[in-house]
Amino acid sequence: TKLRRDLRKQGVDIQVAKKTLIDLSLKKAGITD
């Protein structure tokens, strides 16, 4: 929660998800490597 707060202050976003969902999102966003 402290890390999330520090990131939010700087306008940075954090997302926690399952690796398969992250992989799928990366591929759909065009990041393949």
ModelCIF file with pLDDT and N, C-alpha, C, O atoms, coordinates in Angstrom:
data_MODEL
#
_entry.id   MODEL 
#
_entity.id                         1 
_entity.type                       polymer 
_entity.pdbx_number_of_molecules   1 
#
_entity_poly.entity_id                      1 
_entity_poly.type                           'polypeptide(L)' 
_entity_poly.nstd_linkage                   no 
_entity_poly.nstd_monomer                   no 
_entity_poly.pdbx_seq_one_letter_code       TKLRRDLRKQGVDIQVAKKTLIDLSLKKAGITD 
_entity_poly.pdbx_seq_one_letter_code_can   TKLRRDLRKQGVDIQVAKKTLIDLSLKKAGITD 
_entity_poly.pdbx_strand_id                 A 
#
loop_
_entity_poly_seq.entity_id 
_entity_poly_seq.num 
_entity_poly_seq.mon_id 
_entity_poly_seq.hetero 
1 1  THR n 
1 2  LYS n 
1 3  LEU n 
1 4  ARG n 
1 5  ARG n 
1 6  ASP n 
1 7  LEU n 
1 8  ARG n 
1 9  LYS n 
1 10 GLN n 
1 11 GLY n 
1 12 VAL n 
1 13 ASP n 
1 14 ILE n 
1 15 GLN n 
1 16 VAL n 
1 17 ALA n 
1 18 LYS n 
1 19 LYS n 
1 20 THR n 
1 21 LEU n 
1 22 ILE n 
1 23 ASP n 
1 24 LEU n 
1 25 SER n 
1 26 LEU n 
1 27 LYS n 
1 28 LYS n 
1 29 ALA n 
1 30 GLY n 
1 31 ILE n 
1 32 THR n 
1 33 ASP n 
#
_struct_asym.id          A 
_struct_asym.entity_id   1 
#
loop_
_ma_qa_metric.id 
_ma_qa_metric.mode 
_ma_qa_metric.name 
_ma_qa_metric.software_group_id 
_ma_qa_metric.type 
1 global pLDDT . pLDDT 
2 local  pLDDT . pLDDT 
#
_ma_qa_metric_global.metric_id      1 
_ma_qa_metric_global.metric_value   86.91 
_ma_qa_metric_global.model_id       1 
_ma_qa_metric_global.ordinal_id     1 
#
loop_
_ma_qa_metric_local.label_asym_id 
_ma_qa_metric_local.label_comp_id 
_ma_qa_metric_local.label_seq_id 
_ma_qa_metric_local.metric_id 
_ma_qa_metric_local.metric_value 
_ma_qa_metric_local.model_id 
_ma_qa_metric_local.ordinal_id 
A THR 1  2 90.00 1 1  
A LYS 2  2 91.00 1 2  
A LEU 3  2 89.00 1 3  
A ARG 4  2 90.00 1 4  
A ARG 5  2 91.00 1 5  
A ASP 6  2 88.00 1 6  
A LEU 7  2 89.00 1 7  
A ARG 8  2 90.00 1 8  
A LYS 9  2 90.00 1 9  
A GLN 10 2 85.00 1 10 
A GLY 11 2 87.00 1 11 
A VAL 12 2 89.00 1 12 
A ASP 13 2 89.00 1 13 
A ILE 14 2 90.00 1 14 
A GLN 15 2 87.00 1 15 
A VAL 16 2 88.00 1 16 
A ALA 17 2 87.00 1 17 
A LYS 18 2 88.00 1 18 
A LYS 19 2 87.00 1 19 
A THR 20 2 88.00 1 20 
A LEU 21 2 89.00 1 21 
A ILE 22 2 87.00 1 22 
A ASP 23 2 87.00 1 23 
A LEU 24 2 88.00 1 24 
A SER 25 2 87.00 1 25 
A LEU 26 2 86.00 1 26 
A LYS 27 2 86.00 1 27 
A LYS 28 2 86.00 1 28 
A ALA 29 2 84.00 1 29 
A GLY 30 2 83.00 1 30 
A ILE 31 2 80.00 1 31 
A THR 32 2 76.00 1 32 
A ASP 33 2 76.00 1 33 
#
loop_
_atom_site.group_PDB 
_atom_site.id 
_atom_site.type_symbol 
_atom_site.label_atom_id 
_atom_site.label_alt_id 
_atom_site.label_comp_id 
_atom_site.label_asym_id 
_atom_site.label_entity_id 
_atom_site.label_seq_id 
_atom_site.pdbx_PDB_ins_code 
_atom_site.Cartn_x 
_atom_site.Cartn_y 
_atom_site.Cartn_z 
_atom_site.occupancy 
_atom_site.B_iso_or_equiv 
_atom_site.pdbx_formal_charge 
_atom_site.auth_seq_id 
_atom_site.auth_comp_id 
_atom_site.auth_asym_id 
_atom_site.auth_atom_id 
_atom_site.pdbx_PDB_model_num 
ATOM 1   N N  . THR A 1 1  ? 0.841  -1.203  0.000   1.00 90.00 ? 1  THR A N  1 
ATOM 2   C CA . THR A 1 1  ? 0.000  0.000   0.000   1.00 90.00 ? 1  THR A CA 1 
ATOM 3   C C  . THR A 1 1  ? 0.872  1.248   0.000   1.00 90.00 ? 1  THR A C  1 
ATOM 4   O O  . THR A 1 1  ? 0.556  2.225   -0.678  1.00 90.00 ? 1  THR A O  1 
ATOM 5   N N  . LYS A 1 2  ? 1.968  1.223   0.756   1.00 91.00 ? 2  LYS A N  1 
ATOM 6   C CA . LYS A 1 2  ? 2.902  2.367   0.783   1.00 91.00 ? 2  LYS A CA 1 
ATOM 7   C C  . LYS A 1 2  ? 3.522  2.561   -0.602  1.00 91.00 ? 2  LYS A C  1 
ATOM 8   O O  . LYS A 1 2  ? 3.656  3.693   -1.066  1.00 91.00 ? 2  LYS A O  1 
ATOM 9   N N  . LEU A 1 3  ? 3.899  1.469   -1.261  1.00 89.00 ? 3  LEU A N  1 
ATOM 10  C CA . LEU A 1 3  ? 4.447  1.558   -2.624  1.00 89.00 ? 3  LEU A CA 1 
ATOM 11  C C  . LEU A 1 3  ? 3.411  2.150   -3.574  1.00 89.00 ? 3  LEU A C  1 
ATOM 12  O O  . LEU A 1 3  ? 3.738  3.012   -4.390  1.00 89.00 ? 3  LEU A O  1 
ATOM 13  N N  . ARG A 1 4  ? 2.171  1.694   -3.471  1.00 90.00 ? 4  ARG A N  1 
ATOM 14  C CA . ARG A 1 4  ? 1.093  2.239   -4.322  1.00 90.00 ? 4  ARG A CA 1 
ATOM 15  C C  . ARG A 1 4  ? 0.947  3.745   -4.111  1.00 90.00 ? 4  ARG A C  1 
ATOM 16  O O  . ARG A 1 4  ? 0.794  4.497   -5.074  1.00 90.00 ? 4  ARG A O  1 
ATOM 17  N N  . ARG A 1 5  ? 0.995  4.184   -2.855  1.00 91.00 ? 5  ARG A N  1 
ATOM 18  C CA . ARG A 1 5  ? 0.871  5.607   -2.535  1.00 91.00 ? 5  ARG A CA 1 
ATOM 19  C C  . ARG A 1 5  ? 2.035  6.407   -3.140  1.00 91.00 ? 5  ARG A C  1 
ATOM 20  O O  . ARG A 1 5  ? 1.826  7.467   -3.730  1.00 91.00 ? 5  ARG A O  1 
ATOM 21  N N  . ASP A 1 6  ? 3.249  5.893   -2.988  1.00 88.00 ? 6  ASP A N  1 
ATOM 22  C CA . ASP A 1 6  ? 4.436  6.566   -3.545  1.00 88.00 ? 6  ASP A CA 1 
ATOM 23  C C  . ASP A 1 6  ? 4.329  6.686   -5.061  1.00 88.00 ? 6  ASP A C  1 
ATOM 24  O O  . ASP A 1 6  ? 4.670  7.717   -5.640  1.00 88.00 ? 6  ASP A O  1 
ATOM 25  N N  . LEU A 1 7  ? 3.851  5.618   -5.693  1.00 89.00 ? 7  LEU A N  1 
ATOM 26  C CA . LEU A 1 7  ? 3.705  5.624   -7.149  1.00 89.00 ? 7  LEU A CA 1 
ATOM 27  C C  . LEU A 1 7  ? 2.625  6.609   -7.587  1.00 89.00 ? 7  LEU A C  1 
ATOM 28  O O  . LEU A 1 7  ? 2.811  7.352   -8.551  1.00 89.00 ? 7  LEU A O  1 
ATOM 29  N N  . ARG A 1 8  ? 1.508  6.615   -6.884  1.00 90.00 ? 8  ARG A N  1 
ATOM 30  C CA . ARG A 1 8  ? 0.387  7.493   -7.240  1.00 90.00 ? 8  ARG A CA 1 
ATOM 31  C C  . ARG A 1 8  ? 0.795  8.968   -7.157  1.00 90.00 ? 8  ARG A C  1 
ATOM 32  O O  . ARG A 1 8  ? 0.362  9.780   -7.976  1.00 90.00 ? 8  ARG A O  1 
ATOM 33  N N  . LYS A 1 9  ? 1.633  9.315   -6.163  1.00 90.00 ? 9  LYS A N  1 
ATOM 34  C CA . LYS A 1 9  ? 2.102  10.704  -6.008  1.00 90.00 ? 9  LYS A CA 1 
ATOM 35  C C  . LYS A 1 9  ? 2.857  11.175  -7.246  1.00 90.00 ? 9  LYS A C  1 
ATOM 36  O O  . LYS A 1 9  ? 2.824  12.358  -7.587  1.00 90.00 ? 9  LYS A O  1 
ATOM 37  N N  . GLN A 1 10 ? 3.535  10.250  -7.916  1.00 85.00 ? 10 GLN A N  1 
ATOM 38  C CA . GLN A 1 10 ? 4.329  10.581  -9.102  1.00 85.00 ? 10 GLN A CA 1 
ATOM 39  C C  . GLN A 1 10 ? 3.563  10.357  -10.405 1.00 85.00 ? 10 GLN A C  1 
ATOM 40  O O  . GLN A 1 10 ? 4.130  10.503  -11.487 1.00 85.00 ? 10 GLN A O  1 
ATOM 41  N N  . GLY A 1 11 ? 2.286  10.006  -10.311 1.00 87.00 ? 11 GLY A N  1 
ATOM 42  C CA . GLY A 1 11 ? 1.484  9.778   -11.513 1.00 87.00 ? 11 GLY A CA 1 
ATOM 43  C C  . GLY A 1 11 ? 1.788  8.463   -12.189 1.00 87.00 ? 11 GLY A C  1 
ATOM 44  O O  . GLY A 1 11 ? 1.616  8.325   -13.400 1.00 87.00 ? 11 GLY A O  1 
ATOM 45  N N  . VAL A 1 12 ? 2.247  7.482   -11.401 1.00 89.00 ? 12 VAL A N  1 
ATOM 46  C CA . VAL A 1 12 ? 2.600  6.168   -11.932 1.00 89.00 ? 12 VAL A CA 1 
ATOM 47  C C  . VAL A 1 12 ? 1.561  5.163   -11.442 1.00 89.00 ? 12 VAL A C  1 
ATOM 48  O O  . VAL A 1 12 ? 1.098  5.237   -10.304 1.00 89.00 ? 12 VAL A O  1 
ATOM 49  N N  . ASP A 1 13 ? 1.200  4.224   -12.317 1.00 89.00 ? 13 ASP A N  1 
ATOM 50  C CA . ASP A 1 13 ? 0.139  3.257   -12.034 1.00 89.00 ? 13 ASP A CA 1 
ATOM 51  C C  . ASP A 1 13 ? 0.751  1.886   -11.753 1.00 89.00 ? 13 ASP A C  1 
ATOM 52  O O  . ASP A 1 13 ? 1.780  1.529   -12.326 1.00 89.00 ? 13 ASP A O  1 
ATOM 53  N N  . ILE A 1 14 ? 0.113  1.124   -10.872 1.00 90.00 ? 14 ILE A N  1 
ATOM 54  C CA . ILE A 1 14 ? 0.559  -0.253  -10.606 1.00 90.00 ? 14 ILE A CA 1 
ATOM 55  C C  . ILE A 1 14 ? -0.639 -1.178  -10.756 1.00 90.00 ? 14 ILE A C  1 
ATOM 56  O O  . ILE A 1 14 ? -1.749 -0.854  -10.336 1.00 90.00 ? 14 ILE A O  1 
ATOM 57  N N  . GLN A 1 15 ? -0.395 -2.331  -11.361 1.00 87.00 ? 15 GLN A N  1 
ATOM 58  C CA . GLN A 1 15 ? -1.456 -3.325  -11.552 1.00 87.00 ? 15 GLN A CA 1 
ATOM 59  C C  . GLN A 1 15 ? -0.885 -4.688  -11.189 1.00 87.00 ? 15 GLN A C  1 
ATOM 60  O O  . GLN A 1 15 ? 0.211  -5.056  -11.612 1.00 87.00 ? 15 GLN A O  1 
ATOM 61  N N  . VAL A 1 16 ? -1.649 -5.421  -10.400 1.00 88.00 ? 16 VAL A N  1 
ATOM 62  C CA . VAL A 1 16 ? -1.282 -6.781  -10.029 1.00 88.00 ? 16 VAL A CA 1 
ATOM 63  C C  . VAL A 1 16 ? -2.293 -7.708  -10.699 1.00 88.00 ? 16 VAL A C  1 
ATOM 64  O O  . VAL A 1 16 ? -3.503 -7.517  -10.577 1.00 88.00 ? 16 VAL A O  1 
ATOM 65  N N  . ALA A 1 17 ? -1.782 -8.712  -11.405 1.00 87.00 ? 17 ALA A N  1 
ATOM 66  C CA . ALA A 1 17 ? -2.664 -9.663  -12.087 1.00 87.00 ? 17 ALA A CA 1 
ATOM 67  C C  . ALA A 1 17 ? -1.915 -10.972 -12.289 1.00 87.00 ? 17 ALA A C  1 
ATOM 68  O O  . ALA A 1 17 ? -0.708 -11.061 -12.066 1.00 87.00 ? 17 ALA A O  1 
ATOM 69  N N  . LYS A 1 18 ? -2.657 -11.980 -12.716 1.00 88.00 ? 18 LYS A N  1 
ATOM 70  C CA . LYS A 1 18 ? -2.040 -13.271 -13.028 1.00 88.00 ? 18 LYS A CA 1 
ATOM 71  C C  . LYS A 1 18 ? -1.159 -13.110 -14.257 1.00 88.00 ? 18 LYS A C  1 
ATOM 72  O O  . LYS A 1 18 ? -1.426 -12.290 -15.135 1.00 88.00 ? 18 LYS A O  1 
ATOM 73  N N  . LYS A 1 19 ? -0.101 -13.913 -14.299 1.00 87.00 ? 19 LYS A N  1 
ATOM 74  C CA . LYS A 1 19 ? 0.868  -13.808 -15.394 1.00 87.00 ? 19 LYS A CA 1 
ATOM 75  C C  . LYS A 1 19 ? 0.238  -14.078 -16.763 1.00 87.00 ? 19 LYS A C  1 
ATOM 76  O O  . LYS A 1 19 ? 0.597  -13.429 -17.746 1.00 87.00 ? 19 LYS A O  1 
ATOM 77  N N  . THR A 1 20 ? -0.690 -15.022 -16.832 1.00 88.00 ? 20 THR A N  1 
ATOM 78  C CA . THR A 1 20 ? -1.327 -15.314 -18.124 1.00 88.00 ? 20 THR A CA 1 
ATOM 79  C C  . THR A 1 20 ? -2.130 -14.112 -18.613 1.00 88.00 ? 20 THR A C  1 
ATOM 80  O O  . THR A 1 20 ? -2.161 -13.829 -19.811 1.00 88.00 ? 20 THR A O  1 
ATOM 81  N N  . LEU A 1 21 ? -2.783 -13.402 -17.682 1.00 89.00 ? 21 LEU A N  1 
ATOM 82  C CA . LEU A 1 21 ? -3.559 -12.220 -18.069 1.00 89.00 ? 21 LEU A CA 1 
ATOM 83  C C  . LEU A 1 21 ? -2.631 -11.087 -18.493 1.00 89.00 ? 21 LEU A C  1 
ATOM 84  O O  . LEU A 1 21 ? -2.937 -10.345 -19.426 1.00 89.00 ? 21 LEU A O  1 
ATOM 85  N N  . ILE A 1 22 ? -1.497 -10.956 -17.808 1.00 87.00 ? 22 ILE A N  1 
ATOM 86  C CA . ILE A 1 22 ? -0.508 -9.930  -18.175 1.00 87.00 ? 22 ILE A CA 1 
ATOM 87  C C  . ILE A 1 22 ? 0.052  -10.233 -19.562 1.00 87.00 ? 22 ILE A C  1 
ATOM 88  O O  . ILE A 1 22 ? 0.172  -9.340  -20.400 1.00 87.00 ? 22 ILE A O  1 
ATOM 89  N N  . ASP A 1 23 ? 0.394  -11.507 -19.796 1.00 87.00 ? 23 ASP A N  1 
ATOM 90  C CA . ASP A 1 23 ? 0.903  -11.908 -21.117 1.00 87.00 ? 23 ASP A CA 1 
ATOM 91  C C  . ASP A 1 23 ? -0.094 -11.599 -22.226 1.00 87.00 ? 23 ASP A C  1 
ATOM 92  O O  . ASP A 1 23 ? 0.271  -11.056 -23.268 1.00 87.00 ? 23 ASP A O  1 
ATOM 93  N N  . LEU A 1 24 ? -1.338 -11.946 -21.996 1.00 88.00 ? 24 LEU A N  1 
ATOM 94  C CA . LEU A 1 24 ? -2.386 -11.699 -22.981 1.00 88.00 ? 24 LEU A CA 1 
ATOM 95  C C  . LEU A 1 24 ? -2.530 -10.201 -23.256 1.00 88.00 ? 24 LEU A C  1 
ATOM 96  O O  . LEU A 1 24 ? -2.677 -9.791  -24.407 1.00 88.00 ? 24 LEU A O  1 
ATOM 97  N N  . SER A 1 25 ? -2.489 -9.390  -22.201 1.00 87.00 ? 25 SER A N  1 
ATOM 98  C CA . SER A 1 25 ? -2.599 -7.933  -22.339 1.00 87.00 ? 25 SER A CA 1 
ATOM 99  C C  . SER A 1 25 ? -1.410 -7.358  -23.102 1.00 87.00 ? 25 SER A C  1 
ATOM 100 O O  . SER A 1 25 ? -1.579 -6.479  -23.947 1.00 87.00 ? 25 SER A O  1 
ATOM 101 N N  . LEU A 1 26 ? -0.209 -7.852  -22.805 1.00 86.00 ? 26 LEU A N  1 
ATOM 102 C CA . LEU A 1 26 ? 0.994  -7.382  -23.506 1.00 86.00 ? 26 LEU A CA 1 
ATOM 103 C C  . LEU A 1 26 ? 0.877  -7.665  -25.004 1.00 86.00 ? 26 LEU A C  1 
ATOM 104 O O  . LEU A 1 26 ? 1.170  -6.803  -25.832 1.00 86.00 ? 26 LEU A O  1 
ATOM 105 N N  . LYS A 1 27 ? 0.451  -8.870  -25.338 1.00 86.00 ? 27 LYS A N  1 
ATOM 106 C CA . LYS A 1 27 ? 0.322  -9.230  -26.760 1.00 86.00 ? 27 LYS A CA 1 
ATOM 107 C C  . LYS A 1 27 ? -0.744 -8.382  -27.458 1.00 86.00 ? 27 LYS A C  1 
ATOM 108 O O  . LYS A 1 27 ? -0.544 -7.942  -28.590 1.00 86.00 ? 27 LYS A O  1 
ATOM 109 N N  . LYS A 1 28 ? -1.867 -8.153  -26.788 1.00 86.00 ? 28 LYS A N  1 
ATOM 110 C CA . LYS A 1 28 ? -2.928 -7.326  -27.369 1.00 86.00 ? 28 LYS A CA 1 
ATOM 111 C C  . LYS A 1 28 ? -2.493 -5.868  -27.521 1.00 86.00 ? 28 LYS A C  1 
ATOM 112 O O  . LYS A 1 28 ? -2.980 -5.160  -28.402 1.00 86.00 ? 28 LYS A O  1 
ATOM 113 N N  . ALA A 1 29 ? -1.577 -5.423  -26.664 1.00 84.00 ? 29 ALA A N  1 
ATOM 114 C CA . ALA A 1 29 ? -1.076 -4.045  -26.738 1.00 84.00 ? 29 ALA A CA 1 
ATOM 115 C C  . ALA A 1 29 ? 0.059  -3.918  -27.762 1.00 84.00 ? 29 ALA A C  1 
ATOM 116 O O  . ALA A 1 29 ? 0.553  -2.816  -28.001 1.00 84.00 ? 29 ALA A O  1 
ATOM 117 N N  . GLY A 1 30 ? 0.474  -5.039  -28.370 1.00 83.00 ? 30 GLY A N  1 
ATOM 118 C CA . GLY A 1 30 ? 1.508  -4.992  -29.400 1.00 83.00 ? 30 GLY A CA 1 
ATOM 119 C C  . GLY A 1 30 ? 2.923  -5.138  -28.877 1.00 83.00 ? 30 GLY A C  1 
ATOM 120 O O  . GLY A 1 30 ? 3.879  -4.846  -29.595 1.00 83.00 ? 30 GLY A O  1 
ATOM 121 N N  . ILE A 1 31 ? 3.073  -5.586  -27.639 1.00 80.00 ? 31 ILE A N  1 
ATOM 122 C CA . ILE A 1 31 ? 4.404  -5.800  -27.050 1.00 80.00 ? 31 ILE A CA 1 
ATOM 123 C C  . ILE A 1 31 ? 4.629  -7.306  -27.028 1.00 80.00 ? 31 ILE A C  1 
ATOM 124 O O  . ILE A 1 31 ? 4.088  -8.012  -26.177 1.00 80.00 ? 31 ILE A O  1 
ATOM 125 N N  . THR A 1 32 ? 5.430  -7.789  -27.970 1.00 76.00 ? 32 THR A N  1 
ATOM 126 C CA . THR A 1 32 ? 5.519  -9.239  -28.172 1.00 76.00 ? 32 THR A CA 1 
ATOM 127 C C  . THR A 1 32 ? 6.787  -9.880  -27.624 1.00 76.00 ? 32 THR A C  1 
ATOM 128 O O  . THR A 1 32 ? 6.817  -11.100 -27.469 1.00 76.00 ? 32 THR A O  1 
ATOM 129 N N  . ASP A 1 33 ? 7.826  -9.123  -27.325 1.00 76.00 ? 33 ASP A N  1 
ATOM 130 C CA . ASP A 1 33 ? 9.089  -9.755  -26.909 1.00 76.00 ? 33 ASP A CA 1 
ATOM 131 C C  . ASP A 1 33 ? 9.199  -9.952  -25.397 1.00 76.00 ? 33 ASP A C  1 
ATOM 132 O O  . ASP A 1 33 ? 10.206 -10.470 -24.914 1.00 76.00 ? 33 ASP A O  1 
#
